[in-house]
Amino acid sequence: MLKYAIIYLIIINICGLLSMFIDKRRAIKSKWRIPEKTLFLFAIFGGSIGSIAGMQLFRHKTKHWYFKYGMPAILIIQIITIALLSDKFFQ
């Protein structure tokens, strides 16, 4: 089960990173953009590290306060949740 969870996290983080890359390229070319809600959903479903990395690597959405503080907040909540769940399950 842990193996599948790790595979899922790798895939969702790659999706988060790529969504930032694709949205940045579309912004430069003035094309249809990925909705901000979708970018946040990748983070909420476990891709927060990839999304944050994409923001920094591609300098995308870094001036929007809700991304600047929202993405790290999602990551912190996920870390706390994992810590609490792992403590509960591994006692």
N, C-alpha and C. Protein backbone atom coordinates (compact mmCIF):
# COMPACT_ATOMS: atom_id res chain seq x y z
N MET A 1 0.82 -1.20 0.00
CA MET A 1 0.00 0.00 0.00
C MET A 1 0.86 1.26 0.00
N LEU A 2 1.93 1.25 0.78
CA LEU A 2 2.84 2.39 0.85
C LEU A 2 3.47 2.65 -0.51
N LYS A 3 3.78 1.56 -1.22
CA LYS A 3 4.37 1.68 -2.55
C LYS A 3 3.44 2.45 -3.49
N TYR A 4 2.16 2.15 -3.45
CA TYR A 4 1.19 2.84 -4.31
C TYR A 4 1.01 4.30 -3.90
N ALA A 5 1.08 4.57 -2.61
CA ALA A 5 0.97 5.94 -2.12
C ALA A 5 2.15 6.78 -2.61
N ILE A 6 3.33 6.19 -2.59
CA ILE A 6 4.52 6.90 -3.06
C ILE A 6 4.44 7.15 -4.56
N ILE A 7 4.01 6.15 -5.31
CA ILE A 7 3.84 6.32 -6.76
C ILE A 7 2.82 7.42 -7.06
N TYR A 8 1.71 7.42 -6.32
CA TYR A 8 0.69 8.45 -6.49
C TYR A 8 1.27 9.83 -6.22
N LEU A 9 2.01 9.99 -5.13
CA LEU A 9 2.57 11.29 -4.78
C LEU A 9 3.57 11.77 -5.83
N ILE A 10 4.35 10.86 -6.36
CA ILE A 10 5.31 11.24 -7.41
C ILE A 10 4.55 11.75 -8.64
N ILE A 11 3.52 11.01 -9.05
CA ILE A 11 2.75 11.39 -10.24
C ILE A 11 2.02 12.72 -10.03
N ILE A 12 1.35 12.90 -8.89
CA ILE A 12 0.59 14.13 -8.66
C ILE A 12 1.51 15.34 -8.53
N ASN A 13 2.70 15.15 -7.99
CA ASN A 13 3.65 16.26 -7.90
C ASN A 13 4.22 16.62 -9.27
N ILE A 14 4.44 15.63 -10.11
CA ILE A 14 4.86 15.92 -11.48
C ILE A 14 3.75 16.68 -12.21
N CYS A 15 2.50 16.28 -11.98
CA CYS A 15 1.36 16.99 -12.58
C CYS A 15 1.30 18.43 -12.09
N GLY A 16 1.53 18.66 -10.81
CA GLY A 16 1.54 20.01 -10.26
C GLY A 16 2.63 20.87 -10.89
N LEU A 17 3.81 20.30 -11.02
CA LEU A 17 4.94 21.00 -11.64
C LEU A 17 4.64 21.31 -13.10
N LEU A 18 4.16 20.32 -13.83
CA LEU A 18 3.87 20.51 -15.25
C LEU A 18 2.72 21.49 -15.48
N SER A 19 1.74 21.50 -14.59
CA SER A 19 0.63 22.44 -14.76
C SER A 19 1.12 23.88 -14.63
N MET A 20 2.05 24.12 -13.73
CA MET A 20 2.63 25.46 -13.62
C MET A 20 3.43 25.82 -14.87
N PHE A 21 4.18 24.86 -15.38
CA PHE A 21 4.97 25.08 -16.60
C PHE A 21 4.05 25.38 -17.79
N ILE A 22 3.04 24.56 -17.98
CA ILE A 22 2.13 24.73 -19.11
C ILE A 22 1.38 26.06 -19.00
N ASP A 23 0.91 26.39 -17.80
CA ASP A 23 0.18 27.64 -17.63
C ASP A 23 1.09 28.84 -17.89
N LYS A 24 2.33 28.77 -17.46
CA LYS A 24 3.28 29.86 -17.70
C LYS A 24 3.51 30.04 -19.21
N ARG A 25 3.71 28.95 -19.92
CA ARG A 25 3.92 29.03 -21.38
C ARG A 25 2.69 29.59 -22.08
N ARG A 26 1.52 29.19 -21.64
CA ARG A 26 0.29 29.71 -22.24
C ARG A 26 0.11 31.19 -21.92
N ALA A 27 0.53 31.61 -20.75
CA ALA A 27 0.43 33.03 -20.39
C ALA A 27 1.34 33.86 -21.29
N ILE A 28 2.54 33.37 -21.54
CA ILE A 28 3.48 34.08 -22.40
C ILE A 28 2.93 34.21 -23.81
N LYS A 29 2.28 33.17 -24.30
CA LYS A 29 1.76 33.15 -25.67
C LYS A 29 0.33 33.69 -25.78
N SER A 30 -0.20 34.20 -24.68
CA SER A 30 -1.58 34.74 -24.64
C SER A 30 -2.60 33.73 -25.13
N LYS A 31 -2.45 32.50 -24.70
CA LYS A 31 -3.39 31.44 -25.05
C LYS A 31 -4.29 31.12 -23.86
N TRP A 32 -5.23 30.17 -24.09
CA TRP A 32 -6.13 29.73 -23.04
C TRP A 32 -5.32 29.22 -21.86
N ARG A 33 -5.72 29.60 -20.65
CA ARG A 33 -4.96 29.29 -19.44
C ARG A 33 -5.62 28.19 -18.63
N ILE A 34 -4.83 27.57 -17.80
CA ILE A 34 -5.34 26.58 -16.84
C ILE A 34 -5.99 27.37 -15.70
N PRO A 35 -7.23 27.04 -15.34
CA PRO A 35 -7.89 27.78 -14.25
C PRO A 35 -7.10 27.67 -12.94
N GLU A 36 -7.11 28.75 -12.16
CA GLU A 36 -6.39 28.76 -10.89
C GLU A 36 -6.93 27.69 -9.95
N LYS A 37 -8.22 27.42 -10.04
CA LYS A 37 -8.82 26.37 -9.22
C LYS A 37 -8.15 25.02 -9.50
N THR A 38 -7.86 24.76 -10.76
CA THR A 38 -7.21 23.50 -11.14
C THR A 38 -5.79 23.44 -10.58
N LEU A 39 -5.08 24.55 -10.63
CA LEU A 39 -3.72 24.59 -10.08
C LEU A 39 -3.74 24.29 -8.58
N PHE A 40 -4.73 24.84 -7.88
CA PHE A 40 -4.86 24.57 -6.45
C PHE A 40 -5.29 23.13 -6.19
N LEU A 41 -6.12 22.57 -7.05
CA LEU A 41 -6.56 21.18 -6.85
C LEU A 41 -5.40 20.20 -6.93
N PHE A 42 -4.46 20.45 -7.85
CA PHE A 42 -3.27 19.58 -7.90
C PHE A 42 -2.55 19.62 -6.56
N ALA A 43 -2.42 20.80 -5.98
CA ALA A 43 -1.74 20.93 -4.68
C ALA A 43 -2.53 20.24 -3.58
N ILE A 44 -3.83 20.47 -3.54
CA ILE A 44 -4.67 19.90 -2.48
C ILE A 44 -4.66 18.37 -2.52
N PHE A 45 -4.63 17.80 -3.71
CA PHE A 45 -4.65 16.34 -3.83
C PHE A 45 -3.27 15.71 -3.68
N GLY A 46 -2.30 16.47 -3.17
CA GLY A 46 -1.00 15.90 -2.85
C GLY A 46 0.16 16.43 -3.65
N GLY A 47 -0.09 17.31 -4.59
CA GLY A 47 0.98 17.83 -5.45
C GLY A 47 1.52 19.18 -5.04
N SER A 48 1.45 19.49 -3.75
CA SER A 48 1.86 20.82 -3.29
C SER A 48 3.37 21.07 -3.48
N ILE A 49 4.18 20.06 -3.29
CA ILE A 49 5.62 20.24 -3.46
C ILE A 49 5.94 20.52 -4.94
N GLY A 50 5.33 19.78 -5.84
CA GLY A 50 5.54 20.01 -7.27
C GLY A 50 5.02 21.37 -7.70
N SER A 51 3.88 21.77 -7.15
CA SER A 51 3.30 23.07 -7.49
C SER A 51 4.19 24.21 -7.00
N ILE A 52 4.68 24.10 -5.79
CA ILE A 52 5.57 25.13 -5.24
C ILE A 52 6.87 25.17 -6.04
N ALA A 53 7.40 24.00 -6.38
CA ALA A 53 8.62 23.96 -7.19
C ALA A 53 8.38 24.61 -8.55
N GLY A 54 7.23 24.34 -9.16
CA GLY A 54 6.89 24.95 -10.44
C GLY A 54 6.76 26.46 -10.34
N MET A 55 6.17 26.94 -9.25
CA MET A 55 6.06 28.38 -9.05
C MET A 55 7.43 29.03 -9.02
N GLN A 56 8.36 28.40 -8.31
CA GLN A 56 9.70 28.97 -8.17
C GLN A 56 10.53 28.81 -9.45
N LEU A 57 10.51 27.62 -10.02
CA LEU A 57 11.30 27.36 -11.23
C LEU A 57 10.90 28.23 -12.40
N PHE A 58 9.61 28.39 -12.59
CA PHE A 58 9.11 29.10 -13.76
C PHE A 58 8.67 30.53 -13.43
N ARG A 59 8.89 30.96 -12.18
CA ARG A 59 8.48 32.28 -11.73
C ARG A 59 7.04 32.57 -12.13
N HIS A 60 6.19 31.66 -11.72
CA HIS A 60 4.78 31.74 -12.12
C HIS A 60 3.89 31.83 -10.89
N LYS A 61 3.00 32.80 -10.87
CA LYS A 61 2.03 33.03 -9.80
C LYS A 61 2.68 33.44 -8.48
N THR A 62 3.93 33.86 -8.53
CA THR A 62 4.64 34.20 -7.28
C THR A 62 4.25 35.56 -6.73
N LYS A 63 3.59 36.39 -7.52
CA LYS A 63 3.17 37.71 -7.04
C LYS A 63 1.73 37.69 -6.53
N HIS A 64 1.03 36.60 -6.73
CA HIS A 64 -0.34 36.47 -6.23
C HIS A 64 -0.28 35.97 -4.79
N TRP A 65 -0.80 36.77 -3.85
CA TRP A 65 -0.68 36.42 -2.44
C TRP A 65 -1.32 35.08 -2.13
N TYR A 66 -2.42 34.77 -2.81
CA TYR A 66 -3.11 33.52 -2.49
C TYR A 66 -2.33 32.30 -2.97
N PHE A 67 -1.45 32.46 -3.94
CA PHE A 67 -0.55 31.38 -4.31
C PHE A 67 0.70 31.40 -3.43
N LYS A 68 1.22 32.59 -3.21
CA LYS A 68 2.45 32.76 -2.43
C LYS A 68 2.30 32.18 -1.02
N TYR A 69 1.13 32.38 -0.42
CA TYR A 69 0.89 31.87 0.94
C TYR A 69 0.00 30.63 0.97
N GLY A 70 -0.85 30.48 -0.03
CA GLY A 70 -1.78 29.36 -0.06
C GLY A 70 -1.10 28.02 -0.31
N MET A 71 -0.18 27.99 -1.27
CA MET A 71 0.51 26.72 -1.58
C MET A 71 1.32 26.22 -0.38
N PRO A 72 2.15 27.07 0.25
CA PRO A 72 2.85 26.59 1.44
C PRO A 72 1.90 26.19 2.58
N ALA A 73 0.78 26.90 2.72
CA ALA A 73 -0.19 26.54 3.76
C ALA A 73 -0.76 25.15 3.51
N ILE A 74 -1.06 24.84 2.25
CA ILE A 74 -1.55 23.50 1.90
C ILE A 74 -0.50 22.45 2.26
N LEU A 75 0.76 22.73 1.93
CA LEU A 75 1.84 21.79 2.24
C LEU A 75 1.97 21.57 3.75
N ILE A 76 1.90 22.63 4.52
CA ILE A 76 2.00 22.51 5.98
C ILE A 76 0.86 21.68 6.54
N ILE A 77 -0.36 21.93 6.05
CA ILE A 77 -1.52 21.14 6.49
C ILE A 77 -1.33 19.67 6.13
N GLN A 78 -0.79 19.39 4.95
CA GLN A 78 -0.57 18.01 4.54
C GLN A 78 0.49 17.34 5.42
N ILE A 79 1.54 18.05 5.75
CA ILE A 79 2.60 17.49 6.60
C ILE A 79 2.04 17.19 8.00
N ILE A 80 1.28 18.12 8.55
CA ILE A 80 0.68 17.91 9.87
C ILE A 80 -0.28 16.72 9.84
N THR A 81 -1.09 16.63 8.79
CA THR A 81 -2.05 15.52 8.66
C THR A 81 -1.31 14.19 8.59
N ILE A 82 -0.26 14.12 7.78
CA ILE A 82 0.51 12.88 7.65
C ILE A 82 1.15 12.52 8.99
N ALA A 83 1.69 13.53 9.68
CA ALA A 83 2.33 13.27 10.98
C ALA A 83 1.32 12.73 12.00
N LEU A 84 0.14 13.33 12.02
CA LEU A 84 -0.88 12.88 12.96
C LEU A 84 -1.40 11.48 12.61
N LEU A 85 -1.62 11.24 11.33
CA LEU A 85 -2.09 9.93 10.91
C LEU A 85 -1.04 8.84 11.12
N SER A 86 0.20 9.15 10.80
CA SER A 86 1.24 8.14 10.96
C SER A 86 1.47 7.82 12.44
N ASP A 87 1.35 8.83 13.28
CA ASP A 87 1.49 8.61 14.72
C ASP A 87 0.36 7.72 15.22
N LYS A 88 -0.82 7.94 14.71
CA LYS A 88 -1.99 7.17 15.14
C LYS A 88 -1.91 5.72 14.66
N PHE A 89 -1.46 5.53 13.40
CA PHE A 89 -1.43 4.19 12.83
C PHE A 89 -0.21 3.37 13.21
N PHE A 90 0.87 4.02 13.59
CA PHE A 90 2.10 3.30 13.87
C PHE A 90 2.46 3.23 15.33
N GLN A 91 1.46 3.34 16.21
CA GLN A 91 1.72 3.21 17.65
C GLN A 91 1.67 1.76 18.07
